[in-house]
Amino acid sequence: MFRTLRIVVLLFILATVAQGAWLARVRTVEWRETVRVVIYPINGDGSGVSEAYIRGLAQETFRPVEEFMNQEARRYGLGLAQPVEVRVAPRVEAIPPAPPRDAGIPGAVVWSLRMRYFAWANDTYRGPRPQVRMFVLYFDPARHPRLAHSAGLQKGLIGRVNAFGDAAQEGSNNVVIAHELLHTFGATDKYDFANNRPVHPYGYAEPARTPLYPQRFAEIMAGRIPLSETRSEIPRSLEETLIGALTALEINWAK
């Protein structure tokens, strides 16, 4: 009897959390008011390089993310003058759980719940409650020349981003942050998982361009600028990216 009651209580709690997350997600992409996004810096490798970089972070570091979102919203005719506002929280000491590798749906669900708990337990922001929380882990590029994949959760409106603790990499860091932020709004990846190449037409910023190659911009959810059928490059900053038509549809910026 006690075991049954405990299961019922747990199911009720999970249902309540799921309903709350669904309502928050729906309200966010209605775009009736500015969505508050907060960046939470974390020293991902415990290095002095990452620590020094985090100490130097400022609001302006992430201004390009805010400007990119607002500019693209205007291009799609969104009525809201400022759809996204980006703020920075004091650093977080703990490390969020890493996404599972090949754990299937059960593993993804467990990780999602763990991330939500982590976000609740490690919220260092003291301003108005954010709609979206992006936990950005910084790494010394000399020790970590390649970083693991980042992740954005639509269910929970939480991102876990791996970035380089280097001022020279701020442009590419902001590309990754914007990409994962759009995942929280419902955007899907638009590249081939087998080779990371953008998929035509939805993974191309200008799919009808003549000639098709080289493309001038990266579709933000494809993450690369196609230069030929077999070659593409990572954009250096958000100035080299655009939000494509399907992505705009997915985040409710287009019909």
Protein backbone atom coordinates (compact mmCIF):
# COMPACT_ATOMS: atom_id res chain seq x y z
CA MET A 1 0.00 0.00 0.00
CA PHE A 2 2.79 2.43 0.97
CA ARG A 3 4.73 1.60 -2.21
CA THR A 4 1.65 2.22 -4.36
CA LEU A 5 0.99 5.53 -2.63
CA ARG A 6 4.60 6.60 -3.15
CA ILE A 7 4.40 5.81 -6.88
CA VAL A 8 1.14 7.76 -7.19
CA VAL A 9 2.69 10.77 -5.45
CA LEU A 10 5.76 10.64 -7.69
CA LEU A 11 3.64 10.39 -10.81
CA PHE A 12 1.59 13.37 -9.63
CA ILE A 13 4.76 15.40 -9.08
CA LEU A 14 6.11 14.46 -12.51
CA ALA A 15 2.80 15.34 -14.15
CA THR A 16 2.74 18.71 -12.38
CA VAL A 17 6.33 19.47 -13.45
CA ALA A 18 5.57 18.43 -17.02
CA GLN A 19 2.45 20.59 -17.16
CA GLY A 20 4.34 23.59 -15.76
CA ALA A 21 7.15 23.13 -18.27
CA TRP A 22 4.67 22.82 -21.14
CA LEU A 23 2.85 26.00 -20.14
CA ALA A 24 6.13 27.92 -19.78
CA ARG A 25 7.28 26.72 -23.18
CA VAL A 26 4.01 27.65 -24.88
CA ARG A 27 3.92 31.11 -23.32
CA THR A 28 7.53 31.76 -24.26
CA VAL A 29 7.05 31.15 -28.00
CA GLU A 30 3.85 33.17 -28.15
CA TRP A 31 6.22 36.19 -28.37
CA ARG A 32 3.83 38.52 -26.62
CA GLU A 33 6.58 39.91 -24.40
CA THR A 34 10.37 39.96 -24.22
CA VAL A 35 11.92 36.60 -23.28
CA ARG A 36 14.51 36.99 -20.53
CA VAL A 37 17.58 34.81 -21.16
CA VAL A 38 20.22 34.51 -18.45
CA ILE A 39 23.77 33.25 -19.01
CA TYR A 40 25.36 31.34 -16.10
CA PRO A 41 29.18 31.13 -16.49
CA ILE A 42 30.96 28.02 -15.20
CA ASN A 43 34.64 27.08 -15.06
CA GLY A 44 34.34 23.84 -16.99
CA ASP A 45 37.90 22.55 -16.55
CA GLY A 46 38.96 24.25 -13.30
CA SER A 47 41.82 25.98 -15.09
CA GLY A 48 43.27 29.39 -14.30
CA VAL A 49 42.74 30.42 -17.93
CA SER A 50 39.01 29.75 -17.74
CA GLU A 51 38.83 31.42 -14.33
CA ALA A 52 40.52 34.60 -15.59
CA TYR A 53 38.27 34.67 -18.64
CA ILE A 54 35.10 34.32 -16.56
CA ARG A 55 36.19 37.19 -14.33
CA GLY A 56 36.40 39.37 -17.42
CA LEU A 57 32.93 38.53 -18.74
CA ALA A 58 30.53 41.46 -19.11
CA GLN A 59 27.07 42.13 -20.44
CA GLU A 60 28.59 43.25 -23.74
CA THR A 61 30.17 39.83 -24.26
CA PHE A 62 26.75 38.40 -25.08
CA ARG A 63 25.21 41.47 -26.70
CA PRO A 64 25.67 39.94 -30.18
CA VAL A 65 23.30 37.09 -29.21
CA GLU A 66 20.60 39.55 -28.22
CA GLU A 67 21.16 41.71 -31.30
CA PHE A 68 21.14 38.69 -33.62
CA MET A 69 17.81 37.44 -32.29
CA ASN A 70 16.21 40.88 -32.38
CA GLN A 71 17.53 41.63 -35.87
CA GLU A 72 16.31 38.32 -37.29
CA ALA A 73 12.92 38.79 -35.63
CA ARG A 74 12.55 42.13 -37.42
CA ARG A 75 13.51 40.48 -40.71
CA TYR A 76 10.61 38.07 -40.25
CA GLY A 77 8.21 40.86 -39.33
CA LEU A 78 7.71 39.89 -35.69
CA GLY A 79 5.68 42.62 -34.02
CA LEU A 80 7.62 42.51 -30.74
CA ALA A 81 10.37 45.17 -30.79
CA GLN A 82 12.73 43.21 -28.51
CA PRO A 83 11.89 39.49 -28.43
CA VAL A 84 15.02 38.52 -26.46
CA GLU A 85 16.91 40.16 -23.59
CA VAL A 86 20.19 38.58 -22.46
CA ARG A 87 21.60 39.03 -18.95
CA VAL A 88 24.57 37.51 -17.09
CA ALA A 89 24.39 35.83 -13.68
CA PRO A 90 27.23 35.45 -11.15
CA ARG A 91 29.31 32.36 -11.86
CA VAL A 92 28.04 28.94 -10.86
CA GLU A 93 30.42 26.71 -8.90
CA ALA A 94 28.86 23.32 -9.69
CA ILE A 95 29.11 21.42 -12.98
CA PRO A 96 25.80 20.49 -14.64
CA PRO A 97 25.24 16.87 -15.66
CA ALA A 98 26.55 16.02 -19.12
CA PRO A 99 24.13 14.76 -21.78
CA PRO A 100 24.07 10.95 -22.02
CA ARG A 101 25.73 9.14 -24.91
CA ASP A 102 23.52 6.64 -26.71
CA ALA A 103 21.27 6.21 -23.67
CA GLY A 104 18.04 6.31 -25.69
CA ILE A 105 14.83 7.98 -24.61
CA PRO A 106 14.94 6.83 -20.94
CA GLY A 107 18.44 8.27 -20.51
CA ALA A 108 17.44 11.53 -22.17
CA VAL A 109 14.42 11.85 -19.88
CA VAL A 110 16.53 11.23 -16.77
CA TRP A 111 19.13 13.75 -17.92
CA SER A 112 16.41 16.33 -18.60
CA LEU A 113 15.08 15.93 -15.07
CA ARG A 114 18.58 16.16 -13.61
CA MET A 115 19.24 19.36 -15.58
CA ARG A 116 16.04 20.93 -14.31
CA TYR A 117 16.97 20.10 -10.74
CA PHE A 118 20.48 21.46 -11.30
CA ALA A 119 19.07 24.70 -12.72
CA TRP A 120 16.77 25.09 -9.72
CA ALA A 121 19.51 24.31 -7.17
CA ASN A 122 22.21 26.51 -8.76
CA ASP A 123 20.37 29.65 -9.81
CA THR A 124 22.74 32.52 -8.94
CA TYR A 125 20.74 35.22 -10.73
CA ARG A 126 19.12 37.77 -8.43
CA GLY A 127 17.02 39.68 -10.95
CA PRO A 128 13.55 38.92 -12.32
CA ARG A 129 13.04 35.21 -12.96
CA PRO A 130 14.42 34.21 -16.37
CA GLN A 131 12.38 32.27 -18.89
CA VAL A 132 15.50 30.61 -20.35
CA ARG A 133 18.66 29.62 -18.46
CA MET A 134 21.89 28.94 -20.37
CA PHE A 135 24.69 27.32 -18.38
CA VAL A 136 27.92 28.05 -20.27
CA LEU A 137 30.99 25.97 -19.35
CA TYR A 138 34.31 27.56 -20.32
CA PHE A 139 37.45 25.58 -21.18
CA ASP A 140 41.07 26.50 -21.80
CA PRO A 141 41.49 26.05 -25.60
CA ALA A 142 45.14 25.01 -25.17
CA ARG A 143 44.03 22.03 -23.08
CA HIS A 144 40.73 21.40 -24.87
CA PRO A 145 41.09 22.18 -28.59
CA ARG A 146 37.86 20.27 -29.29
CA LEU A 147 34.76 20.47 -27.13
CA ALA A 148 31.89 18.07 -26.59
CA HIS A 149 28.51 18.85 -28.10
CA SER A 150 26.32 21.37 -26.35
CA ALA A 151 22.61 20.84 -25.74
CA GLY A 152 19.45 22.89 -25.47
CA LEU A 153 16.29 21.57 -23.82
CA GLN A 154 12.94 22.75 -25.12
CA LYS A 155 11.32 20.95 -22.21
CA GLY A 156 12.65 23.02 -19.36
CA LEU A 157 14.00 25.96 -21.40
CA ILE A 158 17.57 25.17 -20.31
CA GLY A 159 20.83 25.08 -22.24
CA ARG A 160 24.18 23.46 -21.46
CA VAL A 161 26.87 25.03 -23.63
CA ASN A 162 30.57 24.17 -23.93
CA ALA A 163 32.66 27.21 -24.92
CA PHE A 164 36.26 28.38 -25.11
CA GLY A 165 37.64 30.64 -22.38
CA ASP A 166 39.34 32.87 -24.94
CA ALA A 167 38.37 36.38 -26.08
CA ALA A 168 39.39 35.48 -29.64
CA GLN A 169 36.69 32.77 -29.64
CA GLU A 170 33.83 34.93 -28.41
CA GLY A 171 32.27 35.15 -31.86
CA SER A 172 32.08 31.39 -32.32
CA ASN A 173 31.02 30.94 -28.67
CA ASN A 174 28.03 33.19 -29.31
CA VAL A 175 27.11 31.18 -32.40
CA VAL A 176 26.87 28.05 -30.23
CA ILE A 177 24.91 29.89 -27.53
CA ALA A 178 22.41 31.21 -30.08
CA HIS A 179 22.09 27.75 -31.65
CA GLU A 180 21.27 26.11 -28.32
CA LEU A 181 19.00 28.98 -27.34
CA LEU A 182 16.96 28.36 -30.49
CA HIS A 183 16.73 24.68 -29.52
CA THR A 184 14.97 25.75 -26.32
CA PHE A 185 12.44 27.62 -28.49
CA GLY A 186 11.75 24.49 -30.54
CA ALA A 187 14.19 24.76 -33.46
CA THR A 188 15.67 21.53 -34.83
CA ASP A 189 19.15 20.76 -36.18
CA LYS A 190 19.52 21.07 -39.95
CA TYR A 191 22.73 19.23 -40.66
CA ASP A 192 23.57 15.63 -41.51
CA PHE A 193 24.62 13.92 -38.26
CA ALA A 194 26.90 11.58 -40.22
CA ASN A 195 29.17 14.30 -41.61
CA ASN A 196 27.99 17.59 -40.02
CA ARG A 197 27.22 19.10 -43.45
CA PRO A 198 24.20 21.39 -43.82
CA VAL A 199 21.23 19.68 -45.47
CA HIS A 200 19.77 21.42 -48.50
CA PRO A 201 17.40 23.27 -48.62
CA TYR A 202 16.57 23.84 -44.93
CA GLY A 203 20.17 23.89 -43.73
CA TYR A 204 21.11 26.64 -46.18
CA ALA A 205 20.68 30.31 -45.33
CA GLU A 206 20.07 31.09 -49.02
CA PRO A 207 18.79 27.84 -50.55
CA ALA A 208 17.73 29.50 -53.83
CA ARG A 209 21.00 31.40 -54.37
CA THR A 210 22.42 31.19 -57.92
CA PRO A 211 25.00 29.84 -58.12
CA LEU A 212 24.29 27.84 -54.99
CA TYR A 213 27.94 27.82 -53.90
CA PRO A 214 29.59 29.35 -52.10
CA GLN A 215 26.93 30.39 -49.62
CA ARG A 216 27.50 33.71 -47.86
CA PHE A 217 25.99 32.76 -44.50
CA ALA A 218 25.35 29.76 -42.27
CA GLU A 219 21.82 28.78 -41.33
CA ILE A 220 22.16 29.00 -37.55
CA MET A 221 20.70 25.52 -36.92
CA ALA A 222 23.01 23.96 -39.53
CA GLY A 223 26.05 25.62 -37.98
CA ARG A 224 28.23 25.78 -41.09
CA ILE A 225 28.60 27.88 -44.24
CA PRO A 226 28.39 25.58 -47.31
CA LEU A 227 31.22 26.43 -49.71
CA SER A 228 30.69 23.48 -52.06
CA GLU A 229 28.85 20.16 -52.07
CA THR A 230 31.58 18.64 -49.92
CA ARG A 231 33.11 21.57 -48.07
CA SER A 232 31.77 23.90 -45.40
CA GLU A 233 33.22 26.11 -42.67
CA ILE A 234 32.18 27.15 -39.18
CA PRO A 235 31.05 30.80 -38.95
CA ARG A 236 33.36 33.06 -36.98
CA SER A 237 30.53 35.12 -35.53
CA LEU A 238 26.77 35.64 -35.63
CA GLU A 239 27.32 38.22 -38.38
CA GLU A 240 27.89 35.23 -40.67
CA THR A 241 24.63 33.47 -39.76
CA LEU A 242 20.92 33.77 -40.52
CA ILE A 243 17.73 32.11 -39.29
CA GLY A 244 16.24 30.10 -42.14
CA ALA A 245 12.59 29.83 -43.10
CA LEU A 246 11.94 26.45 -41.44
CA THR A 247 13.66 27.52 -38.21
CA ALA A 248 11.51 30.67 -38.16
CA LEU A 249 8.44 28.48 -38.57
CA GLU A 250 9.53 26.15 -35.77
CA ILE A 251 9.97 29.01 -33.26
CA ASN A 252 6.67 30.62 -34.27
CA TRP A 253 8.15 33.59 -36.14
CA ALA A 254 6.51 32.59 -39.44
CA LYS A 255 3.34 30.87 -40.60
